[in-house]
Amino acid sequence: MIAYLYGKLTYKSPALVHLDVQGVGYEVLISLNTYSHIQQLESCKLLTHLNIKEDAHTLYGFFDAAERDIFLQLISVSGIGPNTARMMLSSLQPDDVRRAILMDNEKMLEGVKGIGAKTAKRVILELKDKMKKHKTEDILNISVTPDNTIPEDALNALVTLGIARNMAEQAIRKVLKQEPQLNDLEALIKKSLKSL
């Protein structure tokens, strides 16, 4: 098990990073929440979860223990895999996920792509007691990376999250048509996910 990685960020996008740890490059999948914390950093420590399947070993990275804990709880629920949990933590802040579970807010969970009514009920049923033990975190907003435009960053994030490129482009266009002055990357990605 790899508990954490500390190294230089050689590549950053809203959905994945490359972390150079003493000459070894690790590709680590992240959520928008983690990206919002590390986007201005040159090096960082990411807590990790290694997901092993027959055809792949995938590292998921988290800026803090609270987000990793929610991720691990989410993937313990039948029907929620690591990519769905990451999608939840990209569409909603960790605090929002916790609040939705504690307040039986199925509609908020259903707003995440890939989460239907039955899955939302199952998540609430299985995790409500566990969530009561954890305290609320501060929520930080995300700003634009200097290299790409906001729509390009949003498109890259959506594609990395598993959305088909043409669907992601349509969703981004739809959101920007409704809100042409939108210049917040995190907001654009979240609204695009909801419009799919």
N, C-alpha and C. Protein backbone atom coordinates (compact mmCIF):
# COMPACT_ATOMS: atom_id res chain seq x y z
N MET A 1 0.85 -1.20 0.00
CA MET A 1 0.00 0.00 0.00
C MET A 1 0.88 1.24 0.00
N ILE A 2 0.53 2.20 -0.81
CA ILE A 2 1.23 3.48 -0.86
C ILE A 2 0.39 4.49 -0.09
N ALA A 3 0.90 4.93 1.06
CA ALA A 3 0.12 5.83 1.92
C ALA A 3 0.10 7.26 1.39
N TYR A 4 1.26 7.73 0.90
CA TYR A 4 1.33 9.08 0.35
C TYR A 4 2.54 9.20 -0.55
N LEU A 5 2.54 10.24 -1.36
CA LEU A 5 3.67 10.58 -2.22
C LEU A 5 4.02 12.04 -1.97
N TYR A 6 5.32 12.32 -1.91
CA TYR A 6 5.76 13.71 -1.81
C TYR A 6 6.78 13.95 -2.90
N GLY A 7 6.54 14.94 -3.72
CA GLY A 7 7.47 15.22 -4.79
C GLY A 7 7.10 16.46 -5.56
N LYS A 8 7.78 16.62 -6.71
CA LYS A 8 7.58 17.78 -7.57
C LYS A 8 6.47 17.50 -8.57
N LEU A 9 5.58 18.47 -8.73
CA LEU A 9 4.49 18.35 -9.69
C LEU A 9 5.02 18.72 -11.07
N THR A 10 5.16 17.74 -11.95
CA THR A 10 5.69 18.01 -13.29
C THR A 10 4.58 18.25 -14.30
N TYR A 11 3.36 17.82 -13.98
CA TYR A 11 2.19 18.05 -14.84
C TYR A 11 0.97 18.15 -13.95
N LYS A 12 0.13 19.15 -14.22
CA LYS A 12 -1.11 19.32 -13.44
C LYS A 12 -2.28 19.55 -14.38
N SER A 13 -3.38 18.88 -14.12
CA SER A 13 -4.64 19.17 -14.78
C SER A 13 -5.71 18.99 -13.71
N PRO A 14 -6.93 19.44 -13.96
CA PRO A 14 -7.97 19.31 -12.95
C PRO A 14 -8.34 17.86 -12.61
N ALA A 15 -7.88 16.89 -13.39
CA ALA A 15 -8.26 15.51 -13.13
C ALA A 15 -7.08 14.59 -12.80
N LEU A 16 -5.86 14.98 -13.17
CA LEU A 16 -4.70 14.14 -12.84
C LEU A 16 -3.44 14.96 -12.77
N VAL A 17 -2.45 14.43 -12.04
CA VAL A 17 -1.15 15.06 -11.93
C VAL A 17 -0.07 14.01 -12.15
N HIS A 18 1.11 14.49 -12.55
CA HIS A 18 2.30 13.66 -12.57
C HIS A 18 3.19 14.17 -11.45
N LEU A 19 3.57 13.28 -10.55
CA LEU A 19 4.37 13.64 -9.39
C LEU A 19 5.72 12.95 -9.48
N ASP A 20 6.80 13.74 -9.54
CA ASP A 20 8.16 13.21 -9.61
C ASP A 20 8.67 13.01 -8.19
N VAL A 21 8.82 11.74 -7.80
CA VAL A 21 9.32 11.41 -6.48
C VAL A 21 10.72 10.81 -6.65
N GLN A 22 11.73 11.63 -6.45
CA GLN A 22 13.13 11.22 -6.58
C GLN A 22 13.40 10.50 -7.90
N GLY A 23 12.91 11.08 -8.98
CA GLY A 23 13.19 10.54 -10.31
C GLY A 23 12.19 9.53 -10.83
N VAL A 24 11.22 9.14 -10.02
CA VAL A 24 10.17 8.22 -10.46
C VAL A 24 8.88 9.02 -10.63
N GLY A 25 8.30 8.96 -11.82
CA GLY A 25 7.08 9.73 -12.09
C GLY A 25 5.83 8.90 -11.86
N TYR A 26 4.96 9.39 -11.00
CA TYR A 26 3.70 8.73 -10.70
C TYR A 26 2.55 9.51 -11.33
N GLU A 27 1.65 8.81 -12.01
CA GLU A 27 0.42 9.44 -12.49
C GLU A 27 -0.63 9.21 -11.43
N VAL A 28 -1.20 10.30 -10.93
CA VAL A 28 -2.15 10.22 -9.82
C VAL A 28 -3.44 10.92 -10.24
N LEU A 29 -4.56 10.20 -10.16
CA LEU A 29 -5.86 10.78 -10.48
C LEU A 29 -6.35 11.56 -9.28
N ILE A 30 -6.87 12.76 -9.53
CA ILE A 30 -7.31 13.63 -8.44
C ILE A 30 -8.72 14.16 -8.72
N SER A 31 -9.32 14.73 -7.70
CA SER A 31 -10.62 15.40 -7.85
C SER A 31 -10.38 16.90 -8.03
N LEU A 32 -11.43 17.60 -8.38
CA LEU A 32 -11.33 19.06 -8.49
C LEU A 32 -11.00 19.69 -7.14
N ASN A 33 -11.49 19.08 -6.07
CA ASN A 33 -11.21 19.59 -4.74
C ASN A 33 -9.70 19.59 -4.48
N THR A 34 -9.05 18.48 -4.76
CA THR A 34 -7.59 18.40 -4.57
C THR A 34 -6.88 19.38 -5.50
N TYR A 35 -7.32 19.45 -6.73
CA TYR A 35 -6.70 20.37 -7.70
C TYR A 35 -6.75 21.81 -7.21
N SER A 36 -7.87 22.19 -6.60
CA SER A 36 -8.00 23.57 -6.13
C SER A 36 -6.96 23.89 -5.05
N HIS A 37 -6.50 22.88 -4.32
CA HIS A 37 -5.49 23.10 -3.28
C HIS A 37 -4.06 23.10 -3.83
N ILE A 38 -3.82 22.37 -4.90
CA ILE A 38 -2.43 22.19 -5.37
C ILE A 38 -2.09 22.95 -6.63
N GLN A 39 -3.05 23.60 -7.27
CA GLN A 39 -2.80 24.18 -8.59
C GLN A 39 -1.70 25.23 -8.59
N GLN A 40 -1.44 25.89 -7.49
CA GLN A 40 -0.39 26.91 -7.44
C GLN A 40 0.92 26.38 -6.88
N LEU A 41 0.97 25.11 -6.49
CA LEU A 41 2.16 24.53 -5.87
C LEU A 41 3.09 23.93 -6.91
N GLU A 42 4.39 23.94 -6.61
CA GLU A 42 5.37 23.28 -7.46
C GLU A 42 5.66 21.87 -6.97
N SER A 43 5.54 21.66 -5.67
CA SER A 43 5.69 20.32 -5.10
C SER A 43 4.66 20.17 -3.99
N CYS A 44 4.30 18.94 -3.69
CA CYS A 44 3.28 18.73 -2.67
C CYS A 44 3.31 17.29 -2.17
N LYS A 45 2.56 17.07 -1.12
CA LYS A 45 2.34 15.73 -0.58
C LYS A 45 0.89 15.36 -0.88
N LEU A 46 0.70 14.22 -1.51
CA LEU A 46 -0.65 13.73 -1.77
C LEU A 46 -0.85 12.42 -1.03
N LEU A 47 -1.89 12.35 -0.23
CA LEU A 47 -2.29 11.08 0.36
C LEU A 47 -2.86 10.25 -0.77
N THR A 48 -2.68 8.95 -0.73
CA THR A 48 -3.08 8.14 -1.88
C THR A 48 -3.91 6.93 -1.49
N HIS A 49 -4.59 6.44 -2.49
CA HIS A 49 -5.28 5.14 -2.42
C HIS A 49 -4.93 4.40 -3.71
N LEU A 50 -4.39 3.20 -3.58
CA LEU A 50 -4.03 2.39 -4.74
C LEU A 50 -5.17 1.42 -5.02
N ASN A 51 -5.78 1.56 -6.18
CA ASN A 51 -6.86 0.66 -6.59
C ASN A 51 -6.29 -0.37 -7.56
N ILE A 52 -6.40 -1.64 -7.19
CA ILE A 52 -5.83 -2.71 -8.01
C ILE A 52 -6.96 -3.51 -8.64
N LYS A 53 -6.91 -3.57 -9.98
CA LYS A 53 -7.84 -4.40 -10.73
C LYS A 53 -7.01 -5.32 -11.62
N GLU A 54 -7.68 -6.25 -12.28
CA GLU A 54 -6.98 -7.19 -13.16
C GLU A 54 -6.13 -6.49 -14.20
N ASP A 55 -6.67 -5.44 -14.78
CA ASP A 55 -6.00 -4.80 -15.91
C ASP A 55 -5.30 -3.49 -15.58
N ALA A 56 -5.33 -3.04 -14.32
CA ALA A 56 -4.70 -1.75 -14.00
C ALA A 56 -4.46 -1.58 -12.51
N HIS A 57 -3.40 -0.85 -12.21
CA HIS A 57 -3.13 -0.37 -10.86
C HIS A 57 -3.24 1.15 -10.95
N THR A 58 -4.22 1.73 -10.27
CA THR A 58 -4.49 3.16 -10.40
C THR A 58 -4.32 3.85 -9.06
N LEU A 59 -3.56 4.95 -9.05
CA LEU A 59 -3.37 5.74 -7.85
C LEU A 59 -4.33 6.91 -7.84
N TYR A 60 -5.03 7.09 -6.74
CA TYR A 60 -5.90 8.25 -6.53
C TYR A 60 -5.25 9.09 -5.45
N GLY A 61 -5.18 10.41 -5.68
CA GLY A 61 -4.51 11.30 -4.74
C GLY A 61 -5.47 12.29 -4.10
N PHE A 62 -5.13 12.67 -2.87
CA PHE A 62 -5.99 13.57 -2.08
C PHE A 62 -5.12 14.56 -1.32
N PHE A 63 -5.56 15.80 -1.29
CA PHE A 63 -4.81 16.83 -0.60
C PHE A 63 -4.83 16.63 0.91
N ASP A 64 -5.95 16.14 1.43
CA ASP A 64 -6.03 15.96 2.88
C ASP A 64 -6.72 14.64 3.24
N ALA A 65 -6.57 14.29 4.51
CA ALA A 65 -7.10 13.01 5.00
C ALA A 65 -8.62 12.97 4.97
N ALA A 66 -9.26 14.12 5.17
CA ALA A 66 -10.72 14.15 5.19
C ALA A 66 -11.31 13.74 3.84
N GLU A 67 -10.72 14.26 2.74
CA GLU A 67 -11.22 13.91 1.42
C GLU A 67 -10.96 12.43 1.13
N ARG A 68 -9.77 11.93 1.49
CA ARG A 68 -9.48 10.52 1.26
C ARG A 68 -10.44 9.64 2.05
N ASP A 69 -10.76 10.05 3.26
CA ASP A 69 -11.68 9.28 4.09
C ASP A 69 -13.06 9.18 3.45
N ILE A 70 -13.56 10.31 2.92
CA ILE A 70 -14.86 10.29 2.25
C ILE A 70 -14.79 9.40 1.01
N PHE A 71 -13.71 9.51 0.25
CA PHE A 71 -13.52 8.67 -0.93
C PHE A 71 -13.58 7.19 -0.55
N LEU A 72 -12.84 6.81 0.48
CA LEU A 72 -12.81 5.40 0.91
C LEU A 72 -14.19 4.93 1.38
N GLN A 73 -14.91 5.82 2.06
CA GLN A 73 -16.27 5.46 2.49
C GLN A 73 -17.18 5.29 1.28
N LEU A 74 -17.06 6.19 0.31
CA LEU A 74 -17.91 6.10 -0.88
C LEU A 74 -17.66 4.80 -1.64
N ILE A 75 -16.39 4.42 -1.82
CA ILE A 75 -16.13 3.20 -2.60
C ILE A 75 -16.48 1.93 -1.83
N SER A 76 -16.76 2.07 -0.54
CA SER A 76 -17.21 0.90 0.24
C SER A 76 -18.68 0.59 -0.03
N VAL A 77 -19.38 1.52 -0.65
CA VAL A 77 -20.80 1.34 -0.97
C VAL A 77 -20.93 0.56 -2.27
N SER A 78 -21.76 -0.46 -2.27
CA SER A 78 -21.98 -1.26 -3.47
C SER A 78 -22.51 -0.37 -4.60
N GLY A 79 -21.89 -0.47 -5.76
CA GLY A 79 -22.32 0.34 -6.91
C GLY A 79 -21.53 1.62 -7.09
N ILE A 80 -20.65 1.95 -6.13
CA ILE A 80 -19.81 3.14 -6.24
C ILE A 80 -18.36 2.69 -6.40
N GLY A 81 -17.82 2.91 -7.59
CA GLY A 81 -16.42 2.60 -7.84
C GLY A 81 -15.56 3.83 -7.64
N PRO A 82 -14.24 3.67 -7.77
CA PRO A 82 -13.34 4.81 -7.57
C PRO A 82 -13.62 5.99 -8.51
N ASN A 83 -13.96 5.71 -9.77
CA ASN A 83 -14.21 6.81 -10.70
C ASN A 83 -15.50 7.55 -10.36
N THR A 84 -16.50 6.83 -9.90
CA THR A 84 -17.75 7.48 -9.49
C THR A 84 -17.51 8.31 -8.24
N ALA A 85 -16.74 7.78 -7.30
CA ALA A 85 -16.43 8.53 -6.08
C ALA A 85 -15.65 9.80 -6.42
N ARG A 86 -14.71 9.69 -7.34
CA ARG A 86 -13.93 10.86 -7.77
C ARG A 86 -14.83 11.87 -8.47
N MET A 87 -15.78 11.36 -9.26
CA MET A 87 -16.75 12.24 -9.94
C MET A 87 -17.58 12.99 -8.88
N MET A 88 -17.98 12.28 -7.82
CA MET A 88 -18.75 12.92 -6.76
C MET A 88 -17.93 14.03 -6.10
N LEU A 89 -16.64 13.75 -5.85
CA LEU A 89 -15.79 14.74 -5.19
C LEU A 89 -15.34 15.84 -6.15
N SER A 90 -15.60 15.67 -7.44
CA SER A 90 -15.34 16.74 -8.41
C SER A 90 -16.59 17.58 -8.63
N SER A 91 -17.75 16.95 -8.53
CA SER A 91 -19.01 17.68 -8.72
C SER A 91 -19.42 18.42 -7.46
N LEU A 92 -19.11 17.84 -6.32
CA LEU A 92 -19.48 18.42 -5.03
C LEU A 92 -18.22 18.53 -4.16
N GLN A 93 -18.18 19.51 -3.31
CA GLN A 93 -17.10 19.60 -2.33
C GLN A 93 -17.27 18.45 -1.32
N PRO A 94 -16.18 17.98 -0.71
CA PRO A 94 -16.31 16.92 0.30
C PRO A 94 -17.34 17.28 1.38
N ASP A 95 -17.36 18.55 1.77
CA ASP A 95 -18.34 19.00 2.76
C ASP A 95 -19.77 18.84 2.26
N ASP A 96 -19.98 19.12 0.98
CA ASP A 96 -21.32 18.99 0.39
C ASP A 96 -21.76 17.54 0.35
N VAL A 97 -20.83 16.64 0.04
CA VAL A 97 -21.16 15.20 0.04
C VAL A 97 -21.57 14.78 1.44
N ARG A 98 -20.78 15.18 2.42
CA ARG A 98 -21.07 14.83 3.81
C ARG A 98 -22.42 15.41 4.24
N ARG A 99 -22.64 16.67 3.91
CA ARG A 99 -23.90 17.34 4.29
C ARG A 99 -25.10 16.66 3.62
N ALA A 100 -24.96 16.31 2.34
CA ALA A 100 -26.06 15.65 1.63
C ALA A 100 -26.40 14.32 2.29
N ILE A 101 -25.40 13.58 2.72
CA ILE A 101 -25.63 12.28 3.37
C ILE A 101 -26.27 12.49 4.73
N LEU A 102 -25.75 13.44 5.51
CA LEU A 102 -26.29 13.67 6.86
C LEU A 102 -27.71 14.22 6.85
N MET A 103 -28.06 14.97 5.78
CA MET A 103 -29.39 15.58 5.72
C MET A 103 -30.34 14.82 4.80
N ASP A 104 -29.96 13.58 4.42
CA ASP A 104 -30.79 12.74 3.55
C ASP A 104 -31.17 13.46 2.25
N ASN A 105 -30.24 14.23 1.71
CA ASN A 105 -30.50 15.01 0.50
C ASN A 105 -30.17 14.17 -0.74
N GLU A 106 -31.10 13.31 -1.12
CA GLU A 106 -30.90 12.43 -2.27
C GLU A 106 -30.75 13.23 -3.56
N LYS A 107 -31.50 14.33 -3.68
CA LYS A 107 -31.48 15.13 -4.91
C LYS A 107 -30.09 15.69 -5.19
N MET A 108 -29.38 16.13 -4.14
CA MET A 108 -28.04 16.66 -4.34
C MET A 108 -27.11 15.58 -4.88
N LEU A 109 -27.21 14.37 -4.33
CA LEU A 109 -26.37 13.27 -4.79
C LEU A 109 -26.76 12.85 -6.21
N GLU A 110 -28.04 12.87 -6.51
CA GLU A 110 -28.51 12.50 -7.85
C GLU A 110 -28.04 13.50 -8.91
N GLY A 111 -27.66 14.70 -8.48
CA GLY A 111 -27.15 15.70 -9.40
C GLY A 111 -25.78 15.34 -9.98
N VAL A 112 -25.14 14.34 -9.41
CA VAL A 112 -23.83 13.89 -9.89
C VAL A 112 -24.05 12.87 -11.01
N LYS A 113 -23.31 13.04 -12.11
CA LYS A 113 -23.43 12.11 -13.23
C LYS A 113 -23.10 10.69 -12.77
N GLY A 114 -23.98 9.75 -13.10
CA GLY A 114 -23.76 8.35 -12.74
C GLY A 114 -24.42 7.94 -11.44
N ILE A 115 -25.03 8.88 -10.73
CA ILE A 115 -25.71 8.56 -9.47
C ILE A 115 -27.22 8.67 -9.68
N GLY A 116 -27.89 7.53 -9.57
CA GLY A 116 -29.34 7.51 -9.69
C GLY A 116 -30.00 7.50 -8.32
N ALA A 117 -31.32 7.42 -8.31
CA ALA A 117 -32.08 7.48 -7.06
C ALA A 117 -31.72 6.32 -6.13
N LYS A 118 -31.63 5.11 -6.67
CA LYS A 118 -31.32 3.95 -5.83
C LYS A 118 -29.92 4.05 -5.22
N THR A 119 -28.96 4.48 -6.03
CA THR A 119 -27.59 4.60 -5.53
C THR A 119 -27.51 5.69 -4.47
N ALA A 120 -28.19 6.82 -4.69
CA ALA A 120 -28.19 7.91 -3.71
C ALA A 120 -28.77 7.42 -2.38
N LYS A 121 -29.86 6.67 -2.43
CA LYS A 121 -30.46 6.13 -1.20
C LYS A 121 -29.50 5.18 -0.50
N ARG A 122 -28.82 4.34 -1.30
CA ARG A 122 -27.88 3.36 -0.73
C ARG A 122 -26.72 4.08 -0.05
N VAL A 123 -26.19 5.13 -0.69
CA VAL A 123 -25.09 5.89 -0.11
C VAL A 123 -25.50 6.49 1.23
N ILE A 124 -26.67 7.10 1.27
CA ILE A 124 -27.16 7.71 2.51
C ILE A 124 -27.36 6.65 3.58
N LEU A 125 -28.01 5.56 3.23
CA LEU A 125 -28.29 4.50 4.19
C LEU A 125 -27.00 3.92 4.80
N GLU A 126 -26.01 3.65 3.93
CA GLU A 126 -24.80 2.99 4.40
C GLU A 126 -23.80 3.92 5.08
N LEU A 127 -23.84 5.22 4.76
CA LEU A 127 -22.78 6.11 5.25
C LEU A 127 -23.22 7.15 6.28
N LYS A 128 -24.50 7.29 6.53
CA LYS A 128 -24.96 8.37 7.41
C LYS A 128 -24.32 8.30 8.79
N ASP A 129 -24.30 7.14 9.40
CA ASP A 129 -23.71 7.02 10.75
C ASP A 129 -22.21 7.29 10.74
N LYS A 130 -21.52 6.83 9.69
CA LYS A 130 -20.07 7.05 9.60
C LYS A 130 -19.76 8.53 9.43
N MET A 131 -20.59 9.24 8.67
CA MET A 131 -20.34 10.66 8.39
C MET A 131 -20.51 11.53 9.63
N LYS A 132 -21.33 11.09 10.56
CA LYS A 132 -21.56 11.89 11.77
C LYS A 132 -20.28 12.08 12.57
N LYS A 133 -19.31 11.21 12.36
CA LYS A 133 -18.07 11.26 13.14
C LYS A 133 -17.08 12.29 12.65
N HIS A 134 -17.29 12.83 11.45
CA HIS A 134 -16.28 13.69 10.86
C HIS A 134 -16.70 15.15 10.87
N LYS A 135 -15.73 16.02 11.10
CA LYS A 135 -16.02 17.46 11.16
C LYS A 135 -15.96 18.10 9.78
N THR A 136 -16.53 19.27 9.68
CA THR A 136 -16.60 20.02 8.43
C THR A 136 -15.25 20.67 8.11
N GLU A 137 -14.90 20.66 6.82
CA GLU A 137 -13.64 21.27 6.36
C GLU A 137 -13.92 22.64 5.76
N ASP A 138 -12.86 23.44 5.63
CA ASP A 138 -12.96 24.71 4.91
C ASP A 138 -13.06 24.41 3.42
N ILE A 139 -13.81 25.23 2.71
CA ILE A 139 -13.98 25.05 1.27
C ILE A 139 -13.20 26.14 0.55
N LEU A 140 -12.31 25.72 -0.33
CA LEU A 140 -11.53 26.69 -1.11
C LEU A 140 -12.01 26.71 -2.54
N ASN A 141 -11.96 27.87 -3.16
CA ASN A 141 -12.34 27.98 -4.57
C ASN A 141 -11.13 27.79 -5.45
N ILE A 142 -11.39 27.53 -6.69
CA ILE A 142 -10.36 27.24 -7.68
C ILE A 142 -10.23 28.41 -8.64
N SER A 143 -9.06 28.66 -9.13
CA SER A 143 -8.90 29.70 -10.14
C SER A 143 -8.28 29.11 -11.40
N VAL A 144 -8.04 29.94 -12.38
CA VAL A 144 -7.63 29.46 -13.70
C VAL A 144 -6.13 29.17 -13.75
N THR A 145 -5.75 28.12 -14.47
CA THR A 145 -4.33 27.86 -14.72
C THR A 145 -3.88 28.78 -15.83
N PRO A 146 -2.64 29.28 -15.78
CA PRO A 146 -2.20 30.23 -16.79
C PRO A 146 -1.98 29.62 -18.17
N ASP A 147 -1.72 28.31 -18.24
CA ASP A 147 -1.36 27.67 -19.51
C ASP A 147 -2.55 27.54 -20.47
N ASN A 148 -3.70 27.18 -19.97
CA ASN A 148 -4.86 26.88 -20.81
C ASN A 148 -5.99 27.87 -20.56
N THR A 149 -6.90 27.91 -21.48
CA THR A 149 -8.10 28.70 -21.26
C THR A 149 -9.01 27.90 -20.35
N ILE A 150 -9.98 28.56 -19.77
CA ILE A 150 -10.91 27.87 -18.87
C ILE A 150 -11.66 26.75 -19.61
N PRO A 151 -12.21 26.99 -20.80
CA PRO A 151 -12.91 25.90 -21.47
C PRO A 151 -12.00 24.70 -21.78
N GLU A 152 -10.73 24.96 -22.14
CA GLU A 152 -9.81 23.86 -22.43
C GLU A 152 -9.52 23.05 -21.17
N ASP A 153 -9.29 23.74 -20.05
CA ASP A 153 -9.06 23.05 -18.78
C ASP A 153 -10.29 22.22 -18.39
N ALA A 154 -11.47 22.82 -18.57
CA ALA A 154 -12.70 22.12 -18.23
C ALA A 154 -12.88 20.89 -19.11
N LEU A 155 -12.62 21.04 -20.41
CA LEU A 155 -12.75 19.91 -21.33
C LEU A 155 -11.78 18.80 -20.96
N ASN A 156 -10.53 19.14 -20.67
CA ASN A 156 -9.54 18.13 -20.27
C ASN A 156 -9.98 17.41 -19.01
N ALA A 157 -10.53 18.15 -18.05
CA ALA A 157 -10.98 17.54 -16.80
C ALA A 157 -12.14 16.57 -17.05
N LEU A 158 -13.11 17.00 -17.86
CA LEU A 158 -14.27 16.15 -18.12
C LEU A 158 -13.87 14.88 -18.88
N VAL A 159 -12.97 15.02 -19.85
CA VAL A 159 -12.52 13.85 -20.61
C VAL A 159 -11.78 12.88 -19.69
N THR A 160 -10.94 13.41 -18.81
CA THR A 160 -10.20 12.56 -17.88
C THR A 160 -11.14 11.89 -16.89
N LEU A 161 -12.25 12.53 -16.59
CA LEU A 161 -13.25 11.92 -15.69
C LEU A 161 -14.07 10.84 -16.38
N GLY A 162 -13.85 10.65 -17.69
CA GLY A 162 -14.53 9.57 -18.39
C GLY A 162 -15.70 10.01 -19.27
N ILE A 163 -15.88 11.32 -19.41
CA ILE A 163 -16.96 11.82 -20.26
C ILE A 163 -16.46 11.81 -21.71
N ALA A 164 -17.30 11.39 -22.63
CA ALA A 164 -16.94 11.41 -24.05
C ALA A 164 -16.64 12.86 -24.47
N ARG A 165 -15.60 13.03 -25.28
CA ARG A 165 -15.14 14.37 -25.66
C ARG A 165 -16.26 15.21 -26.28
N ASN A 166 -17.02 14.63 -27.21
CA ASN A 166 -18.08 15.41 -27.87
C ASN A 166 -19.17 15.81 -26.87
N MET A 167 -19.51 14.92 -25.94
CA MET A 167 -20.51 15.25 -24.92
C MET A 167 -20.00 16.35 -24.00
N ALA A 168 -18.71 16.27 -23.63
CA ALA A 168 -18.11 17.28 -22.76
C ALA A 168 -18.10 18.64 -23.45
N GLU A 169 -17.74 18.65 -24.74
CA GLU A 169 -17.73 19.91 -25.49
C GLU A 169 -19.12 20.52 -25.56
N GLN A 170 -20.13 19.69 -25.82
CA GLN A 170 -21.51 20.19 -25.88
C GLN A 170 -21.95 20.76 -24.54
N ALA A 171 -21.60 20.06 -23.45
CA ALA A 171 -22.00 20.52 -22.12
C ALA A 171 -21.34 21.86 -21.81
N ILE A 172 -20.06 21.99 -22.13
CA ILE A 172 -19.34 23.24 -21.86
C ILE A 172 -19.94 24.38 -22.70
N ARG A 173 -20.21 24.10 -23.98
CA ARG A 173 -20.82 25.12 -24.84
C ARG A 173 -22.18 25.57 -24.29
N LYS A 174 -22.96 24.61 -23.84
CA LYS A 174 -24.29 24.91 -23.30
C LYS A 174 -24.19 25.84 -22.08
N VAL A 175 -23.26 25.52 -21.17
CA VAL A 175 -23.10 26.33 -19.97
C VAL A 175 -22.61 27.73 -20.33
N LEU A 176 -21.62 27.80 -21.24
CA LEU A 176 -21.07 29.11 -21.61
C LEU A 176 -22.07 29.95 -22.40
N LYS A 177 -22.98 29.29 -23.11
CA LYS A 177 -24.02 30.03 -23.83
C LYS A 177 -24.98 30.68 -22.83
N GLN A 178 -25.28 29.95 -21.74
CA GLN A 178 -26.18 30.48 -20.71
C GLN A 178 -25.48 31.52 -19.84
N GLU A 179 -24.17 31.32 -19.61
CA GLU A 179 -23.41 32.23 -18.74
C GLU A 179 -22.10 32.62 -19.42
N PRO A 180 -22.14 33.51 -20.40
CA PRO A 180 -20.93 33.86 -21.16
C PRO A 180 -19.84 34.51 -20.31
N GLN A 181 -20.20 35.11 -19.19
CA GLN A 181 -19.20 35.78 -18.34
C GLN A 181 -18.57 34.84 -17.32
N LEU A 182 -18.95 33.58 -17.32
CA LEU A 182 -18.43 32.61 -16.34
C LEU A 182 -16.92 32.44 -16.55
N ASN A 183 -16.13 32.74 -15.53
CA ASN A 183 -14.68 32.62 -15.65
C ASN A 183 -14.07 31.85 -14.48
N ASP A 184 -14.84 30.96 -13.89
CA ASP A 184 -14.37 30.14 -12.79
C ASP A 184 -14.33 28.68 -13.25
N LEU A 185 -13.15 28.10 -13.29
CA LEU A 185 -12.97 26.74 -13.82
C LEU A 185 -13.81 25.72 -13.08
N GLU A 186 -13.75 25.75 -11.75
CA GLU A 186 -14.49 24.77 -10.96
C GLU A 186 -15.99 24.88 -11.22
N ALA A 187 -16.50 26.10 -11.27
CA ALA A 187 -17.93 26.30 -11.53
C ALA A 187 -18.30 25.79 -12.91
N LEU A 188 -17.45 26.05 -13.91
CA LEU A 188 -17.74 25.58 -15.26
C LEU A 188 -17.78 24.06 -15.33
N ILE A 189 -16.84 23.40 -14.68
CA ILE A 189 -16.82 21.93 -14.69
C ILE A 189 -18.06 21.38 -13.99
N LYS A 190 -18.39 21.92 -12.83
CA LYS A 190 -19.55 21.43 -12.07
C LYS A 190 -20.84 21.64 -12.87
N LYS A 191 -21.00 22.81 -13.46
CA LYS A 191 -22.23 23.09 -14.22
C LYS A 191 -22.28 22.22 -15.47
N SER A 192 -21.13 21.96 -16.08
CA SER A 192 -21.09 21.10 -17.26
C SER A 192 -21.48 19.67 -16.88
N LEU A 193 -20.99 19.19 -15.75
CA LEU A 193 -21.34 17.85 -15.27
C LEU A 193 -22.84 17.74 -15.04
N LYS A 194 -23.43 18.79 -14.46
CA LYS A 194 -24.86 18.77 -14.17
C LYS A 194 -25.70 18.84 -15.45
N SER A 195 -25.15 19.44 -16.50
CA SER A 195 -25.93 19.58 -17.73
C SER A 195 -25.87 18.34 -18.62
N LEU A 196 -25.03 17.37 -18.25
CA LEU A 196 -24.91 16.14 -19.07
C LEU A 196 -26.14 15.26 -18.93
